[in-house]
Amino acid sequence: MSLKNNTSDAFTGLEAAIVLIAFVVVAAVFSYVILGAGFFTTQKAQETVYKSVEQSTTNLLLIGNVYGLSTDNNSITEIRFSIGLAPGAPSIDLTKFKVAFSTPSSDLVILTLGNTSSQTHFTAKEGGAGSSLNSMVQNQQIEIAFNVIPVPVNTVVNIELRPSVGGALPFSKTTPATITVTNVLS
């Protein structure tokens, strides 16, 4: 019996093994890149969903009554109410906060934060006392106050609170049939 020395068959097997290893390495690198891209895309999609939920829901709560104050007992000249944050809501920058006010007989007025209550600015004070605040945090009750053009009896007032992030909080109230110094708007 003779042994045939065939070195070309051995090299063919070695070449096949090298090619197989190269394919496995390339497949591993490719799958690593694909998985990394998938994880990145999933993370971005999750961030988008959280940001959308944050911007579509309101973080504000109206606490208690809306009051209309009068200096002449004929019309409402100032509006006051308290707001707070919903549980788990992030803090709100009041310098970017806007209050929209209108009645059926008046134009829409957009009020921004100011040091004194006027027909173009609102004040935001914790518990209605002290200096005006620039931000609102969890477990804080802020009183919003602003002056309005005189609003007569039985008039609907529309107020919309617009934070820089999150949904707006609109509400409508009606002035009473008889106006006194302090009135609860219903």
N, C-alpha and C. Protein backbone atom coordinates (compact mmCIF):
# COMPACT_ATOMS: atom_id res chain seq x y z
N MET A 1 0.82 -1.15 0.00
CA MET A 1 0.00 0.00 0.00
C MET A 1 0.88 1.23 0.00
N SER A 2 0.48 2.12 -0.80
CA SER A 2 1.31 3.32 -0.87
C SER A 2 0.50 4.52 -0.41
N LEU A 3 1.20 5.31 0.30
CA LEU A 3 0.57 6.54 0.77
C LEU A 3 0.85 7.63 -0.23
N LYS A 4 -0.20 8.26 -0.58
CA LYS A 4 -0.08 9.31 -1.56
C LYS A 4 0.07 10.62 -0.81
N ASN A 5 1.06 11.35 -1.10
CA ASN A 5 1.31 12.61 -0.44
C ASN A 5 0.67 13.71 -1.27
N ASN A 6 -0.54 14.12 -0.83
CA ASN A 6 -1.27 15.14 -1.58
C ASN A 6 -1.36 16.39 -0.71
N THR A 7 -0.45 17.30 -0.88
CA THR A 7 -0.40 18.52 -0.08
C THR A 7 -1.44 19.53 -0.55
N SER A 8 -1.92 19.44 -1.79
CA SER A 8 -2.90 20.41 -2.26
C SER A 8 -4.25 20.23 -1.57
N ASP A 9 -4.60 18.99 -1.20
CA ASP A 9 -5.84 18.76 -0.47
C ASP A 9 -5.78 19.36 0.93
N ALA A 10 -4.63 19.27 1.56
CA ALA A 10 -4.47 19.82 2.90
C ALA A 10 -4.60 21.33 2.88
N PHE A 11 -3.99 21.96 1.89
CA PHE A 11 -4.10 23.41 1.82
C PHE A 11 -5.52 23.85 1.50
N THR A 12 -6.25 23.08 0.73
CA THR A 12 -7.62 23.42 0.42
C THR A 12 -8.47 23.39 1.69
N GLY A 13 -8.27 22.42 2.55
CA GLY A 13 -8.98 22.33 3.82
C GLY A 13 -8.63 23.50 4.73
N LEU A 14 -7.34 23.84 4.77
CA LEU A 14 -6.90 24.97 5.60
C LEU A 14 -7.48 26.27 5.07
N GLU A 15 -7.50 26.46 3.77
CA GLU A 15 -8.08 27.65 3.17
C GLU A 15 -9.57 27.73 3.48
N ALA A 16 -10.27 26.61 3.42
CA ALA A 16 -11.70 26.58 3.73
C ALA A 16 -11.95 26.97 5.19
N ALA A 17 -11.10 26.50 6.09
CA ALA A 17 -11.24 26.83 7.50
C ALA A 17 -11.01 28.33 7.73
N ILE A 18 -10.01 28.89 7.04
CA ILE A 18 -9.72 30.32 7.16
C ILE A 18 -10.89 31.14 6.63
N VAL A 19 -11.45 30.74 5.53
CA VAL A 19 -12.60 31.45 4.95
C VAL A 19 -13.80 31.34 5.89
N LEU A 20 -14.01 30.16 6.48
CA LEU A 20 -15.11 29.97 7.41
C LEU A 20 -14.94 30.88 8.64
N ILE A 21 -13.73 30.93 9.17
CA ILE A 21 -13.46 31.80 10.33
C ILE A 21 -13.69 33.26 9.95
N ALA A 22 -13.26 33.64 8.76
CA ALA A 22 -13.45 35.02 8.30
C ALA A 22 -14.94 35.35 8.19
N PHE A 23 -15.72 34.42 7.67
CA PHE A 23 -17.17 34.64 7.60
C PHE A 23 -17.77 34.80 8.99
N VAL A 24 -17.37 33.98 9.95
CA VAL A 24 -17.90 34.06 11.31
C VAL A 24 -17.53 35.41 11.94
N VAL A 25 -16.28 35.85 11.75
CA VAL A 25 -15.85 37.14 12.31
C VAL A 25 -16.64 38.29 11.67
N VAL A 26 -16.78 38.27 10.35
CA VAL A 26 -17.53 39.32 9.66
C VAL A 26 -18.99 39.31 10.12
N ALA A 27 -19.59 38.15 10.27
CA ALA A 27 -20.98 38.05 10.73
C ALA A 27 -21.11 38.58 12.16
N ALA A 28 -20.13 38.28 13.01
CA ALA A 28 -20.18 38.77 14.40
C ALA A 28 -20.09 40.29 14.43
N VAL A 29 -19.18 40.85 13.65
CA VAL A 29 -19.04 42.31 13.62
C VAL A 29 -20.32 42.95 13.05
N PHE A 30 -20.84 42.38 12.00
CA PHE A 30 -22.06 42.90 11.38
C PHE A 30 -23.23 42.84 12.37
N SER A 31 -23.38 41.72 13.08
CA SER A 31 -24.49 41.60 14.04
C SER A 31 -24.30 42.58 15.20
N TYR A 32 -23.06 42.81 15.63
CA TYR A 32 -22.79 43.78 16.69
C TYR A 32 -23.22 45.18 16.24
N VAL A 33 -22.90 45.54 15.00
CA VAL A 33 -23.28 46.86 14.47
C VAL A 33 -24.80 46.97 14.37
N ILE A 34 -25.46 45.94 13.89
CA ILE A 34 -26.92 45.95 13.75
C ILE A 34 -27.58 46.04 15.13
N LEU A 35 -27.11 45.26 16.11
CA LEU A 35 -27.68 45.33 17.45
C LEU A 35 -27.46 46.71 18.07
N GLY A 36 -26.28 47.28 17.89
CA GLY A 36 -26.00 48.63 18.40
C GLY A 36 -26.94 49.65 17.80
N ALA A 37 -27.15 49.56 16.49
CA ALA A 37 -28.07 50.49 15.83
C ALA A 37 -29.50 50.28 16.33
N GLY A 38 -29.88 49.05 16.57
CA GLY A 38 -31.21 48.75 17.08
C GLY A 38 -31.41 49.30 18.48
N PHE A 39 -30.41 49.12 19.35
CA PHE A 39 -30.50 49.68 20.71
C PHE A 39 -30.57 51.20 20.67
N PHE A 40 -29.78 51.82 19.81
CA PHE A 40 -29.79 53.28 19.68
C PHE A 40 -31.16 53.77 19.21
N THR A 41 -31.72 53.09 18.21
CA THR A 41 -33.03 53.47 17.68
C THR A 41 -34.12 53.29 18.74
N THR A 42 -34.05 52.20 19.49
CA THR A 42 -35.02 51.96 20.56
C THR A 42 -34.94 53.05 21.62
N GLN A 43 -33.72 53.44 21.99
CA GLN A 43 -33.54 54.49 22.99
C GLN A 43 -34.11 55.82 22.50
N LYS A 44 -33.85 56.16 21.24
CA LYS A 44 -34.38 57.41 20.68
C LYS A 44 -35.91 57.37 20.61
N ALA A 45 -36.47 56.23 20.25
CA ALA A 45 -37.93 56.10 20.19
C ALA A 45 -38.53 56.25 21.58
N GLN A 46 -37.88 55.68 22.59
CA GLN A 46 -38.36 55.80 23.97
C GLN A 46 -38.30 57.26 24.43
N GLU A 47 -37.22 57.97 24.12
CA GLU A 47 -37.11 59.38 24.47
C GLU A 47 -38.22 60.20 23.80
N THR A 48 -38.52 59.88 22.55
CA THR A 48 -39.57 60.58 21.81
C THR A 48 -40.93 60.36 22.45
N VAL A 49 -41.21 59.13 22.85
CA VAL A 49 -42.49 58.82 23.49
C VAL A 49 -42.61 59.57 24.81
N TYR A 50 -41.56 59.55 25.63
CA TYR A 50 -41.61 60.26 26.91
C TYR A 50 -41.78 61.76 26.71
N LYS A 51 -41.08 62.32 25.75
CA LYS A 51 -41.19 63.76 25.48
C LYS A 51 -42.60 64.09 24.97
N SER A 52 -43.17 63.24 24.14
CA SER A 52 -44.52 63.47 23.63
C SER A 52 -45.55 63.43 24.75
N VAL A 53 -45.42 62.45 25.65
CA VAL A 53 -46.34 62.37 26.78
C VAL A 53 -46.19 63.59 27.67
N GLU A 54 -44.95 64.03 27.89
CA GLU A 54 -44.71 65.21 28.72
C GLU A 54 -45.33 66.45 28.12
N GLN A 55 -45.27 66.58 26.80
CA GLN A 55 -45.79 67.78 26.15
C GLN A 55 -47.29 67.72 25.91
N SER A 56 -47.87 66.54 25.90
CA SER A 56 -49.30 66.46 25.59
C SER A 56 -50.18 66.48 26.83
N THR A 57 -49.61 66.23 27.98
CA THR A 57 -50.42 66.24 29.18
C THR A 57 -50.14 67.49 30.00
N THR A 58 -51.14 67.96 30.66
CA THR A 58 -50.95 69.14 31.50
C THR A 58 -50.39 68.71 32.84
N ASN A 59 -49.47 69.49 33.35
CA ASN A 59 -48.87 69.22 34.64
C ASN A 59 -49.46 70.11 35.72
N LEU A 60 -50.45 70.93 35.35
CA LEU A 60 -51.01 71.92 36.26
C LEU A 60 -52.34 71.48 36.83
N LEU A 61 -52.60 71.89 38.06
CA LEU A 61 -53.87 71.65 38.70
C LEU A 61 -54.41 72.97 39.23
N LEU A 62 -55.69 73.22 39.02
CA LEU A 62 -56.35 74.38 39.60
C LEU A 62 -56.75 73.98 41.01
N ILE A 63 -56.30 74.77 42.00
CA ILE A 63 -56.56 74.44 43.39
C ILE A 63 -57.55 75.46 43.96
N GLY A 64 -58.69 74.98 44.38
CA GLY A 64 -59.67 75.87 45.00
C GLY A 64 -60.48 76.66 43.99
N ASN A 65 -60.99 77.81 44.45
CA ASN A 65 -61.87 78.65 43.66
C ASN A 65 -61.10 79.68 42.84
N VAL A 66 -61.79 80.23 41.86
CA VAL A 66 -61.29 81.38 41.10
C VAL A 66 -62.04 82.59 41.63
N TYR A 67 -61.30 83.60 42.07
CA TYR A 67 -61.90 84.78 42.69
C TYR A 67 -61.81 85.97 41.75
N GLY A 68 -62.86 86.76 41.75
CA GLY A 68 -62.89 88.03 41.05
C GLY A 68 -63.02 89.14 42.07
N LEU A 69 -62.10 90.08 42.06
CA LEU A 69 -62.12 91.17 43.02
C LEU A 69 -62.64 92.43 42.34
N SER A 70 -63.34 93.24 43.11
CA SER A 70 -63.93 94.45 42.59
C SER A 70 -63.58 95.63 43.50
N THR A 71 -63.33 96.78 42.88
CA THR A 71 -63.07 97.99 43.67
C THR A 71 -64.31 98.88 43.75
N ASP A 72 -65.26 98.66 42.82
CA ASP A 72 -66.43 99.53 42.78
C ASP A 72 -67.76 98.79 42.95
N ASN A 73 -67.72 97.49 43.18
CA ASN A 73 -68.91 96.65 43.32
C ASN A 73 -69.80 96.64 42.07
N ASN A 74 -69.27 97.09 40.94
CA ASN A 74 -70.03 97.05 39.67
C ASN A 74 -69.43 96.07 38.67
N SER A 75 -68.12 95.84 38.77
CA SER A 75 -67.46 94.96 37.80
C SER A 75 -66.21 94.35 38.44
N ILE A 76 -65.79 93.24 37.87
CA ILE A 76 -64.57 92.55 38.32
C ILE A 76 -63.37 93.25 37.66
N THR A 77 -62.36 93.56 38.49
CA THR A 77 -61.17 94.23 37.95
C THR A 77 -59.89 93.44 38.19
N GLU A 78 -59.98 92.39 39.01
CA GLU A 78 -58.81 91.54 39.26
C GLU A 78 -59.24 90.09 39.40
N ILE A 79 -58.43 89.18 38.87
CA ILE A 79 -58.69 87.74 38.96
C ILE A 79 -57.57 87.12 39.79
N ARG A 80 -57.95 86.19 40.68
CA ARG A 80 -56.98 85.46 41.50
C ARG A 80 -57.39 84.00 41.61
N PHE A 81 -56.41 83.12 41.54
CA PHE A 81 -56.64 81.70 41.73
C PHE A 81 -55.31 81.04 42.08
N SER A 82 -55.39 79.83 42.61
CA SER A 82 -54.19 79.09 43.00
C SER A 82 -54.01 77.87 42.10
N ILE A 83 -52.74 77.57 41.82
CA ILE A 83 -52.40 76.40 41.02
C ILE A 83 -51.29 75.61 41.72
N GLY A 84 -51.17 74.37 41.32
CA GLY A 84 -50.11 73.50 41.80
C GLY A 84 -49.73 72.53 40.70
N LEU A 85 -48.73 71.71 40.98
CA LEU A 85 -48.28 70.72 40.00
C LEU A 85 -48.92 69.37 40.28
N ALA A 86 -49.22 68.64 39.23
CA ALA A 86 -49.74 67.29 39.37
C ALA A 86 -48.64 66.40 39.96
N PRO A 87 -49.01 65.34 40.66
CA PRO A 87 -47.99 64.45 41.23
C PRO A 87 -47.05 63.92 40.14
N GLY A 88 -45.76 64.01 40.42
CA GLY A 88 -44.75 63.53 39.48
C GLY A 88 -44.41 64.50 38.36
N ALA A 89 -45.05 65.65 38.32
CA ALA A 89 -44.77 66.62 37.25
C ALA A 89 -43.45 67.34 37.52
N PRO A 90 -42.73 67.68 36.47
CA PRO A 90 -41.48 68.43 36.67
C PRO A 90 -41.76 69.88 37.03
N SER A 91 -40.77 70.56 37.57
CA SER A 91 -40.94 71.97 37.93
C SER A 91 -41.20 72.79 36.67
N ILE A 92 -41.81 73.96 36.86
CA ILE A 92 -42.19 74.82 35.73
C ILE A 92 -41.49 76.16 35.86
N ASP A 93 -40.92 76.61 34.75
CA ASP A 93 -40.28 77.92 34.68
C ASP A 93 -41.37 78.96 34.45
N LEU A 94 -41.66 79.77 35.46
CA LEU A 94 -42.74 80.75 35.36
C LEU A 94 -42.36 81.94 34.48
N THR A 95 -41.07 82.14 34.20
CA THR A 95 -40.67 83.24 33.32
C THR A 95 -41.10 82.97 31.89
N LYS A 96 -41.36 81.70 31.55
CA LYS A 96 -41.82 81.34 30.21
C LYS A 96 -43.31 80.98 30.20
N PHE A 97 -43.94 81.08 31.35
CA PHE A 97 -45.35 80.75 31.55
C PHE A 97 -46.21 81.90 31.04
N LYS A 98 -47.34 81.58 30.42
CA LYS A 98 -48.25 82.60 29.91
C LYS A 98 -49.66 82.32 30.40
N VAL A 99 -50.40 83.40 30.63
CA VAL A 99 -51.81 83.29 31.00
C VAL A 99 -52.61 84.02 29.92
N ALA A 100 -53.53 83.31 29.29
CA ALA A 100 -54.39 83.91 28.26
C ALA A 100 -55.74 84.20 28.89
N PHE A 101 -56.24 85.41 28.67
CA PHE A 101 -57.52 85.84 29.26
C PHE A 101 -58.38 86.48 28.18
N SER A 102 -59.68 86.13 28.19
CA SER A 102 -60.62 86.78 27.26
C SER A 102 -62.03 86.66 27.80
N THR A 103 -62.89 87.52 27.28
CA THR A 103 -64.32 87.45 27.53
C THR A 103 -64.99 87.54 26.16
N PRO A 104 -66.29 87.25 26.06
CA PRO A 104 -66.95 87.35 24.76
C PRO A 104 -66.89 88.76 24.16
N SER A 105 -66.77 89.77 25.01
CA SER A 105 -66.76 91.15 24.49
C SER A 105 -65.36 91.77 24.45
N SER A 106 -64.33 91.00 24.78
CA SER A 106 -62.97 91.55 24.76
C SER A 106 -62.04 90.67 23.94
N ASP A 107 -60.94 91.27 23.53
CA ASP A 107 -59.93 90.53 22.78
C ASP A 107 -59.11 89.66 23.72
N LEU A 108 -58.45 88.69 23.15
CA LEU A 108 -57.55 87.82 23.90
C LEU A 108 -56.35 88.62 24.37
N VAL A 109 -56.02 88.49 25.65
CA VAL A 109 -54.86 89.16 26.24
C VAL A 109 -53.93 88.07 26.74
N ILE A 110 -52.65 88.13 26.34
CA ILE A 110 -51.64 87.18 26.82
C ILE A 110 -50.81 87.89 27.88
N LEU A 111 -50.82 87.36 29.09
CA LEU A 111 -50.10 87.96 30.20
C LEU A 111 -48.82 87.17 30.48
N THR A 112 -47.75 87.87 30.85
CA THR A 112 -46.49 87.24 31.22
C THR A 112 -46.17 87.61 32.66
N LEU A 113 -45.20 86.93 33.23
CA LEU A 113 -44.83 87.16 34.62
C LEU A 113 -44.27 88.56 34.81
N GLY A 114 -44.71 89.23 35.86
CA GLY A 114 -44.22 90.56 36.21
C GLY A 114 -44.17 90.72 37.71
N ASN A 115 -43.61 91.82 38.17
CA ASN A 115 -43.50 92.06 39.61
C ASN A 115 -44.79 92.60 40.22
N THR A 116 -45.61 93.25 39.39
CA THR A 116 -46.88 93.78 39.88
C THR A 116 -47.99 93.33 38.95
N SER A 117 -49.17 93.15 39.52
CA SER A 117 -50.33 92.73 38.75
C SER A 117 -50.78 93.89 37.85
N SER A 118 -50.99 93.60 36.57
CA SER A 118 -51.47 94.61 35.63
C SER A 118 -52.27 93.89 34.55
N GLN A 119 -52.69 94.62 33.52
CA GLN A 119 -53.45 93.99 32.44
C GLN A 119 -52.55 93.32 31.42
N THR A 120 -51.22 93.39 31.60
CA THR A 120 -50.28 92.70 30.71
C THR A 120 -49.37 91.75 31.45
N HIS A 121 -49.37 91.81 32.78
CA HIS A 121 -48.52 90.95 33.59
C HIS A 121 -49.34 90.29 34.71
N PHE A 122 -48.90 89.12 35.13
CA PHE A 122 -49.49 88.46 36.28
C PHE A 122 -48.41 88.30 37.35
N THR A 123 -48.83 88.16 38.58
CA THR A 123 -47.88 87.85 39.65
C THR A 123 -48.09 86.40 40.07
N ALA A 124 -47.02 85.80 40.55
CA ALA A 124 -47.06 84.42 41.02
C ALA A 124 -46.37 84.39 42.38
N LYS A 125 -47.16 84.22 43.42
CA LYS A 125 -46.62 84.24 44.78
C LYS A 125 -47.05 82.99 45.52
N GLU A 126 -46.14 82.45 46.31
CA GLU A 126 -46.47 81.26 47.08
C GLU A 126 -47.44 81.64 48.20
N GLY A 127 -48.62 81.05 48.18
CA GLY A 127 -49.62 81.36 49.18
C GLY A 127 -50.16 82.77 49.10
N GLY A 128 -49.88 83.49 48.03
CA GLY A 128 -50.38 84.85 47.84
C GLY A 128 -49.57 85.91 48.55
N ALA A 129 -48.49 85.53 49.23
CA ALA A 129 -47.68 86.50 49.97
C ALA A 129 -46.22 86.43 49.52
N GLY A 130 -45.48 87.47 49.84
CA GLY A 130 -44.06 87.49 49.53
C GLY A 130 -43.80 88.05 48.14
N SER A 131 -42.59 87.81 47.68
CA SER A 131 -42.20 88.32 46.37
C SER A 131 -42.60 87.34 45.27
N SER A 132 -42.62 87.85 44.04
CA SER A 132 -43.01 87.04 42.89
C SER A 132 -41.97 85.94 42.65
N LEU A 133 -42.44 84.75 42.32
CA LEU A 133 -41.57 83.60 42.09
C LEU A 133 -41.25 83.45 40.60
N ASN A 134 -40.12 82.81 40.31
CA ASN A 134 -39.73 82.56 38.92
C ASN A 134 -39.93 81.11 38.51
N SER A 135 -40.18 80.23 39.49
CA SER A 135 -40.40 78.82 39.16
C SER A 135 -41.36 78.21 40.17
N MET A 136 -41.93 77.08 39.77
CA MET A 136 -42.87 76.37 40.63
C MET A 136 -42.39 74.93 40.73
N VAL A 137 -42.31 74.42 41.95
CA VAL A 137 -41.84 73.06 42.19
C VAL A 137 -42.95 72.24 42.84
N GLN A 138 -42.69 70.95 42.97
CA GLN A 138 -43.64 70.01 43.56
C GLN A 138 -44.05 70.47 44.96
N ASN A 139 -45.29 70.23 45.33
CA ASN A 139 -45.87 70.55 46.65
C ASN A 139 -45.89 72.05 46.95
N GLN A 140 -45.89 72.87 45.94
CA GLN A 140 -45.95 74.31 46.12
C GLN A 140 -47.28 74.80 45.57
N GLN A 141 -47.94 75.67 46.32
CA GLN A 141 -49.21 76.26 45.87
C GLN A 141 -48.95 77.71 45.54
N ILE A 142 -49.15 78.06 44.27
CA ILE A 142 -48.85 79.40 43.76
C ILE A 142 -50.16 80.13 43.50
N GLU A 143 -50.24 81.38 43.97
CA GLU A 143 -51.40 82.21 43.66
C GLU A 143 -51.06 83.10 42.47
N ILE A 144 -51.89 82.99 41.44
CA ILE A 144 -51.76 83.82 40.24
C ILE A 144 -52.77 84.97 40.37
N ALA A 145 -52.31 86.20 40.14
CA ALA A 145 -53.19 87.37 40.21
C ALA A 145 -52.89 88.29 39.04
N PHE A 146 -53.93 88.85 38.45
CA PHE A 146 -53.75 89.82 37.36
C PHE A 146 -54.97 90.72 37.25
N ASN A 147 -54.74 91.92 36.78
CA ASN A 147 -55.83 92.87 36.56
C ASN A 147 -56.44 92.64 35.19
N VAL A 148 -57.73 92.95 35.08
CA VAL A 148 -58.44 92.78 33.81
C VAL A 148 -59.22 94.07 33.52
N ILE A 149 -59.60 94.24 32.26
CA ILE A 149 -60.51 95.33 31.95
C ILE A 149 -61.80 95.02 32.70
N PRO A 150 -62.56 95.99 33.16
CA PRO A 150 -63.75 95.71 33.97
C PRO A 150 -64.68 94.70 33.29
N VAL A 151 -64.99 93.65 34.04
CA VAL A 151 -65.87 92.58 33.55
C VAL A 151 -67.20 92.70 34.28
N PRO A 152 -68.30 92.91 33.55
CA PRO A 152 -69.62 93.10 34.19
C PRO A 152 -70.21 91.80 34.72
N VAL A 153 -71.38 91.91 35.32
CA VAL A 153 -72.10 90.76 35.89
C VAL A 153 -72.46 89.75 34.80
N ASN A 154 -72.60 88.49 35.20
CA ASN A 154 -73.02 87.39 34.32
C ASN A 154 -72.22 87.31 33.02
N THR A 155 -70.93 87.47 33.11
CA THR A 155 -70.06 87.40 31.94
C THR A 155 -69.13 86.19 32.07
N VAL A 156 -68.98 85.45 30.99
CA VAL A 156 -68.08 84.31 30.97
C VAL A 156 -66.66 84.82 30.76
N VAL A 157 -65.74 84.37 31.61
CA VAL A 157 -64.33 84.69 31.43
C VAL A 157 -63.60 83.39 31.08
N ASN A 158 -62.76 83.46 30.05
CA ASN A 158 -61.98 82.31 29.60
C ASN A 158 -60.53 82.53 29.98
N ILE A 159 -59.97 81.57 30.68
CA ILE A 159 -58.57 81.64 31.11
C ILE A 159 -57.87 80.38 30.65
N GLU A 160 -56.68 80.54 30.13
CA GLU A 160 -55.88 79.39 29.72
C GLU A 160 -54.47 79.58 30.25
N LEU A 161 -53.99 78.57 30.99
CA LEU A 161 -52.64 78.60 31.55
C LEU A 161 -51.74 77.83 30.59
N ARG A 162 -50.67 78.48 30.13
CA ARG A 162 -49.81 77.90 29.09
C ARG A 162 -48.36 77.78 29.59
N PRO A 163 -47.98 76.62 30.12
CA PRO A 163 -46.59 76.44 30.51
C PRO A 163 -45.72 76.25 29.26
N SER A 164 -44.41 76.44 29.42
CA SER A 164 -43.52 76.28 28.26
C SER A 164 -43.42 74.82 27.85
N VAL A 165 -43.58 73.89 28.78
CA VAL A 165 -43.56 72.46 28.48
C VAL A 165 -44.81 71.83 29.06
N GLY A 166 -45.50 71.05 28.26
CA GLY A 166 -46.72 70.40 28.72
C GLY A 166 -47.94 71.06 28.12
N GLY A 167 -49.05 70.41 28.33
CA GLY A 167 -50.30 70.91 27.78
C GLY A 167 -50.85 72.08 28.56
N ALA A 168 -51.66 72.87 27.89
CA ALA A 168 -52.31 74.03 28.50
C ALA A 168 -53.45 73.56 29.39
N LEU A 169 -53.81 74.41 30.36
CA LEU A 169 -54.95 74.15 31.23
C LEU A 169 -55.98 75.25 31.01
N PRO A 170 -57.00 74.99 30.16
CA PRO A 170 -58.04 76.01 29.95
C PRO A 170 -59.20 75.81 30.91
N PHE A 171 -59.83 76.89 31.31
CA PHE A 171 -61.05 76.82 32.09
C PHE A 171 -61.85 78.10 31.89
N SER A 172 -63.16 77.98 32.07
CA SER A 172 -64.08 79.12 31.93
C SER A 172 -64.87 79.27 33.22
N LYS A 173 -65.09 80.50 33.60
CA LYS A 173 -65.87 80.82 34.79
C LYS A 173 -66.82 81.96 34.45
N THR A 174 -67.86 82.14 35.27
CA THR A 174 -68.85 83.20 35.04
C THR A 174 -68.90 84.12 36.25
N THR A 175 -68.94 85.41 35.97
CA THR A 175 -69.06 86.38 37.06
C THR A 175 -70.46 86.28 37.66
N PRO A 176 -70.61 86.58 38.95
CA PRO A 176 -71.93 86.44 39.59
C PRO A 176 -72.91 87.53 39.15
N ALA A 177 -74.17 87.33 39.49
CA ALA A 177 -75.23 88.29 39.16
C ALA A 177 -75.12 89.56 39.99
N THR A 178 -74.58 89.43 41.18
CA THR A 178 -74.37 90.58 42.05
C THR A 178 -72.90 90.60 42.43
N ILE A 179 -72.24 91.71 42.16
CA ILE A 179 -70.80 91.80 42.42
C ILE A 179 -70.56 92.51 43.73
N THR A 180 -69.69 91.90 44.55
CA THR A 180 -69.24 92.49 45.83
C THR A 180 -67.73 92.68 45.73
N VAL A 181 -67.11 92.98 46.85
CA VAL A 181 -65.67 93.21 46.84
C VAL A 181 -64.91 91.92 46.44
N THR A 182 -65.29 90.79 47.03
CA THR A 182 -64.68 89.50 46.70
C THR A 182 -65.77 88.57 46.21
N ASN A 183 -65.54 87.98 45.01
CA ASN A 183 -66.56 87.14 44.37
C ASN A 183 -65.95 85.82 43.95
N VAL A 184 -66.69 84.75 44.14
CA VAL A 184 -66.29 83.44 43.65
C VAL A 184 -66.89 83.31 42.25
N LEU A 185 -66.03 83.09 41.26
CA LEU A 185 -66.51 82.89 39.89
C LEU A 185 -66.88 81.42 39.74
N SER A 186 -68.07 81.16 39.18
CA SER A 186 -68.55 79.78 39.08
C SER A 186 -68.48 79.28 37.65
